[in-house]
Amino acid sequence: MSSRLSVPIVSVIGVKNSGKTTLIEQLVSTFEKGGYRVGVMKYALREFQIDHEGKDTYRFYHAGAYAVGITSHDKMAVIKRVELPPPLDKILETHFSDADIVLLEGYRGHDCPRICLIVPGKEPAESELAQDNKDCPVLRLNVSGQNPNPISPEALGKAADFVRGIIESRRR
């Protein structure tokens, strides 16, 4: 992904249950406390549901509306029928251009810096780590893969330093 977006992007990848969501959650908390606006974009392989049966937006959507939006004083959501998901660049330009950093989960094969979570005995293939753009750094982060918290304080520190470096390099 060669993004025209001026917001720095970091993709977090790893095998299932390696701690991707936990790491992103901890990074969001860390950077939010530092005054950063952090966007997170997740790709779900399976169908997902953000609306609930019986609610107005659910009813509108299931009545056949092409798109349904809802907003309140502090958040908004849009549910839209798509045949194919729009390109990631377009989603990020439209909804994340005012973020200081965007973290991706579940997106592979995009040309952006990556944090690859390495669980002992479940190392990813080199092809998963390879990128077309050799200038995009990859942080290989050893994690335990154990619940409830597979991310050690040291691993979180390394990931935060990596993300901070990406943010700073985009500001230069």
Foldseek 3Di string as FASTA:
>chain_A
DPAPQLAAEEEEDEDPLLCSVVLVVVLCVVVVVVVFFEAEAEDDPDDDDPDDPPDPQVVVVVVPDQKDKDDDPPDIDMDGDDPDDDDPNVVCVVPPSPGNYYYYYPDFQDPAAYEYEAEVPRGDDVVRVDHPDPVHHYHYAYFHSDPPHRADPVSSVVVNVVRVVSSVVSVD
